[in-house]
Amino acid sequence: MTTINVMFTPLSTVTTFPERFYGTPMGINIVTWYQAIDRDSNADITGWTVSRNHAINEFVINGPSGHIASVASLPAASEYISQSISG
């Protein structure tokens, strides 16, 4: 079994003004999207991204089939993706 060493590169940051109040002044929310990358080859891991909701500091893993899980940090997302891919 090969372990994939996962790291992330920022893709984009979006500021939204959601209808719901997310705990920030005026309901402003910032979301940053990250692409999962194989640390060894520096290649994108196709189909795997993570979004960070800055207002509630939640990291959502998005896999090939959509939303997979919510975790507390990028290192936790890295571990989750690595285990999912490595089997």
C-alpha atoms as a PDB file:
ATOM      1  CA  MET A   1       0.000   0.000   0.000  1.00  0.00           C
ATOM      2  CA  THR A   2       1.348   3.403  -0.987  1.00  0.00           C
ATOM      3  CA  THR A   3       0.621   6.440   1.139  1.00  0.00           C
ATOM      4  CA  ILE A   4      -0.113   9.670  -0.713  1.00  0.00           C
ATOM      5  CA  ASN A   5       1.380  12.756   0.951  1.00  0.00           C
ATOM      6  CA  VAL A   6      -1.279  15.416   0.474  1.00  0.00           C
ATOM      7  CA  MET A   7      -0.741  19.171   0.576  1.00  0.00           C
ATOM      8  CA  PHE A   8      -2.879  22.054  -0.668  1.00  0.00           C
ATOM      9  CA  THR A   9      -2.597  25.098  -2.888  1.00  0.00           C
ATOM     10  CA  PRO A  10      -5.144  27.936  -2.717  1.00  0.00           C
ATOM     11  CA  LEU A  11      -7.429  28.165  -5.754  1.00  0.00           C
ATOM     12  CA  SER A  12      -9.620  31.147  -4.946  1.00  0.00           C
ATOM     13  CA  THR A  13     -11.158  33.196  -2.153  1.00  0.00           C
ATOM     14  CA  VAL A  14     -14.743  34.393  -2.347  1.00  0.00           C
ATOM     15  CA  THR A  15     -16.525  36.895  -0.113  1.00  0.00           C
ATOM     16  CA  THR A  16     -20.237  36.280   0.192  1.00  0.00           C
ATOM     17  CA  PHE A  17     -23.109  37.965   1.963  1.00  0.00           C
ATOM     18  CA  PRO A  18     -25.314  35.030   2.923  1.00  0.00           C
ATOM     19  CA  GLU A  19     -28.882  35.358   4.082  1.00  0.00           C
ATOM     20  CA  ARG A  20     -27.981  33.555   7.286  1.00  0.00           C
ATOM     21  CA  PHE A  21     -25.784  35.238   9.848  1.00  0.00           C
ATOM     22  CA  TYR A  22     -22.517  33.295  10.149  1.00  0.00           C
ATOM     23  CA  GLY A  23     -21.230  34.950  13.296  1.00  0.00           C
ATOM     24  CA  THR A  24     -19.339  37.726  11.549  1.00  0.00           C
ATOM     25  CA  PRO A  25     -20.290  41.413  11.422  1.00  0.00           C
ATOM     26  CA  MET A  26     -22.981  42.081   8.831  1.00  0.00           C
ATOM     27  CA  GLY A  27     -23.135  38.398   7.882  1.00  0.00           C
ATOM     28  CA  ILE A  28     -20.015  38.632   5.711  1.00  0.00           C
ATOM     29  CA  ASN A  29     -18.467  35.270   4.989  1.00  0.00           C
ATOM     30  CA  ILE A  30     -15.186  34.397   3.277  1.00  0.00           C
ATOM     31  CA  VAL A  31     -14.600  31.004   1.683  1.00  0.00           C
ATOM     32  CA  THR A  32     -11.221  29.840   0.383  1.00  0.00           C
ATOM     33  CA  TRP A  33     -10.946  26.856  -1.964  1.00  0.00           C
ATOM     34  CA  TYR A  34      -7.855  24.640  -1.994  1.00  0.00           C
ATOM     35  CA  GLN A  35      -6.722  22.030  -4.530  1.00  0.00           C
ATOM     36  CA  ALA A  36      -5.287  18.817  -3.097  1.00  0.00           C
ATOM     37  CA  ILE A  37      -1.803  18.090  -4.445  1.00  0.00           C
ATOM     38  CA  ASP A  38       0.473  15.052  -4.231  1.00  0.00           C
ATOM     39  CA  ARG A  39       3.473  16.395  -2.300  1.00  0.00           C
ATOM     40  CA  ASP A  40       5.893  13.965  -3.966  1.00  0.00           C
ATOM     41  CA  SER A  41       4.991  14.639  -7.623  1.00  0.00           C
ATOM     42  CA  ASN A  42       3.499  18.137  -7.169  1.00  0.00           C
ATOM     43  CA  ALA A  43       0.553  16.995  -9.329  1.00  0.00           C
ATOM     44  CA  ASP A  44      -3.093  17.847  -8.670  1.00  0.00           C
ATOM     45  CA  ILE A  45      -5.076  15.036  -7.073  1.00  0.00           C
ATOM     46  CA  THR A  46      -7.976  15.092  -9.505  1.00  0.00           C
ATOM     47  CA  GLY A  47     -11.416  15.504  -7.976  1.00  0.00           C
ATOM     48  CA  TRP A  48     -10.269  16.459  -4.470  1.00  0.00           C
ATOM     49  CA  THR A  49     -10.673  20.002  -3.106  1.00  0.00           C
ATOM     50  CA  VAL A  50     -11.200  21.546   0.314  1.00  0.00           C
ATOM     51  CA  SER A  51     -13.175  24.681   1.086  1.00  0.00           C
ATOM     52  CA  ARG A  52     -12.591  26.700   4.243  1.00  0.00           C
ATOM     53  CA  ASN A  53     -15.466  28.690   5.690  1.00  0.00           C
ATOM     54  CA  HIS A  54     -13.576  31.435   7.559  1.00  0.00           C
ATOM     55  CA  ALA A  55     -16.567  32.577   9.622  1.00  0.00           C
ATOM     56  CA  ILE A  56     -16.964  29.244  11.406  1.00  0.00           C
ATOM     57  CA  ASN A  57     -13.444  27.942  10.641  1.00  0.00           C
ATOM     58  CA  GLU A  58     -14.758  24.748   9.055  1.00  0.00           C
ATOM     59  CA  PHE A  59     -12.948  22.790   6.349  1.00  0.00           C
ATOM     60  CA  VAL A  60     -15.171  20.828   3.966  1.00  0.00           C
ATOM     61  CA  ILE A  61     -13.626  18.039   1.921  1.00  0.00           C
ATOM     62  CA  ASN A  62     -15.051  17.678  -1.581  1.00  0.00           C
ATOM     63  CA  GLY A  63     -14.190  14.416  -3.289  1.00  0.00           C
ATOM     64  CA  PRO A  64     -14.925  13.015  -6.735  1.00  0.00           C
ATOM     65  CA  SER A  65     -18.564  12.417  -5.753  1.00  0.00           C
ATOM     66  CA  GLY A  66     -19.151  15.757  -3.972  1.00  0.00           C
ATOM     67  CA  HIS A  67     -19.212  16.715  -0.287  1.00  0.00           C
ATOM     68  CA  ILE A  68     -17.410  14.057   1.745  1.00  0.00           C
ATOM     69  CA  ALA A  69     -16.760  15.336   5.270  1.00  0.00           C
ATOM     70  CA  SER A  70     -16.168  18.352   7.487  1.00  0.00           C
ATOM     71  CA  VAL A  71     -12.921  18.530   9.459  1.00  0.00           C
ATOM     72  CA  ALA A  72     -11.224  21.016  11.794  1.00  0.00           C
ATOM     73  CA  SER A  73      -8.039  21.795   9.821  1.00  0.00           C
ATOM     74  CA  LEU A  74      -6.084  21.371   6.593  1.00  0.00           C
ATOM     75  CA  PRO A  75      -3.818  18.726   8.223  1.00  0.00           C
ATOM     76  CA  ALA A  76      -6.954  16.741   9.131  1.00  0.00           C
ATOM     77  CA  ALA A  77      -8.183  17.103   5.539  1.00  0.00           C
ATOM     78  CA  SER A  78      -4.795  15.936   4.281  1.00  0.00           C
ATOM     79  CA  GLU A  79      -4.951  12.827   6.451  1.00  0.00           C
ATOM     80  CA  TYR A  80      -8.541  12.082   5.400  1.00  0.00           C
ATOM     81  CA  ILE A  81      -7.782  12.394   1.675  1.00  0.00           C
ATOM     82  CA  SER A  82      -4.584  10.383   1.979  1.00  0.00           C
ATOM     83  CA  GLN A  83      -6.394   7.530   3.720  1.00  0.00           C
ATOM     84  CA  SER A  84      -9.278   7.656   1.222  1.00  0.00           C
ATOM     85  CA  ILE A  85      -6.961   7.433  -1.778  1.00  0.00           C
ATOM     86  CA  SER A  86      -4.466   4.976  -0.301  1.00  0.00           C
ATOM     87  CA  GLY A  87      -7.271   2.635   0.634  1.00  0.00           C
END
